Every structure is written in structure tokens, then in C-alpha cells.
Amino acid sequence: MAEEKKTGAIRMAAIDAIMTDIKFKAQITARTNKLDSGIMDSGIPGFALGMLISLAMILVPVFLI
């Protein structure tokens, strides 16, 4: 009977470790998805703003010369 309790405890420890690993991976996946969504939402306006700033930095000195 003592061996059954040890085996059960070992199994529970293994299950707890697996559940902890699954929770960690789920949190990483959720954070990555949230970050990706934020980047995709601001991608086009950010690109347009960057393009305007870079054009201004190139064209302003050209017109001042």
C-alpha cells in the first residue's frame, strides 16, 4: 500500500509539472498573440508616418540648398 501512495504522489508531481508547463506555454502564446495584434493594428499608419518623415528629411535639405 505504501508503494501505491508513492506511485500516486510521483504521478501527481508529474501531472503538476505538465500542467505548469502547459499554463506557461499558454501565457506565452497569449502574450505573443496580443503583441502581434498590436503591431498589425498600427502597421499601416506607422509605415505611412515613417515614410512621410523620411521624405521630409530628404526633401527639406534639397530645397534649402
Protein backbone atom coordinates (compact mmCIF):
# COMPACT_ATOMS: atom_id res chain seq x y z
CA MET A 1 0.00 0.00 0.00
CA ALA A 2 2.88 2.34 0.69
CA GLU A 3 4.16 1.84 -2.83
CA GLU A 4 0.79 2.80 -4.29
CA LYS A 5 0.87 6.09 -2.38
CA LYS A 6 4.41 6.83 -3.58
CA THR A 7 3.48 6.00 -7.15
CA GLY A 8 0.41 8.21 -6.87
CA ALA A 9 2.48 11.06 -5.48
CA ILE A 10 5.02 10.70 -8.26
CA ARG A 11 2.27 10.70 -10.85
CA MET A 12 0.67 13.78 -9.30
CA ALA A 13 4.03 15.57 -9.31
CA ALA A 14 4.47 14.70 -12.98
CA ILE A 15 0.95 15.88 -13.78
CA ASP A 16 1.53 19.13 -11.86
CA ALA A 17 4.75 19.73 -13.77
CA ILE A 18 3.00 19.13 -17.09
CA MET A 19 0.12 21.44 -16.13
CA THR A 20 2.56 24.17 -15.11
CA ASP A 21 4.33 23.82 -18.45
CA ILE A 22 1.03 23.98 -20.34
CA LYS A 23 -0.03 27.12 -18.42
CA PHE A 24 3.33 28.77 -19.15
CA LYS A 25 3.10 27.98 -22.86
CA ALA A 26 -0.50 29.25 -22.98
CA GLN A 27 0.58 32.53 -21.37
CA ILE A 28 3.44 32.94 -23.84
CA THR A 29 1.10 32.22 -26.75
CA ALA A 30 -1.46 34.75 -25.47
CA ARG A 31 1.21 37.45 -25.00
CA THR A 32 2.64 36.80 -28.44
CA ASN A 33 -0.82 36.97 -30.00
CA LYS A 34 -1.56 40.23 -28.18
CA LEU A 35 1.73 41.77 -29.31
CA ASP A 36 1.20 40.61 -32.89
CA SER A 37 -2.30 42.10 -32.92
CA GLY A 38 -0.98 45.42 -31.66
CA ILE A 39 1.74 45.51 -34.30
CA MET A 40 -0.69 44.63 -37.07
CA ASP A 41 -3.14 47.33 -35.95
CA SER A 42 -0.52 50.07 -36.06
CA GLY A 43 1.46 48.76 -39.03
CA ILE A 44 -0.02 50.79 -41.89
CA PRO A 45 -0.30 54.14 -40.06
CA GLY A 46 3.20 53.66 -38.67
CA PHE A 47 4.58 52.89 -42.11
CA ALA A 48 2.85 55.94 -43.61
CA LEU A 49 4.14 58.22 -40.86
CA GLY A 50 7.66 56.84 -41.23
CA MET A 51 7.52 57.35 -44.98
CA LEU A 52 6.42 60.99 -44.56
CA ILE A 53 9.15 61.71 -42.00
CA SER A 54 11.84 60.14 -44.19
CA LEU A 55 10.67 62.07 -47.25
CA ALA A 56 10.68 65.29 -45.25
CA MET A 57 14.21 64.59 -44.01
CA ILE A 58 15.37 64.06 -47.60
CA LEU A 59 13.44 66.80 -49.38
CA VAL A 60 13.82 69.68 -46.89
CA PRO A 61 17.63 69.84 -47.25
CA VAL A 62 17.31 69.53 -51.02
CA PHE A 63 15.02 72.56 -51.21
CA LEU A 64 17.20 74.57 -48.80
CA ILE A 65 20.27 74.16 -50.98
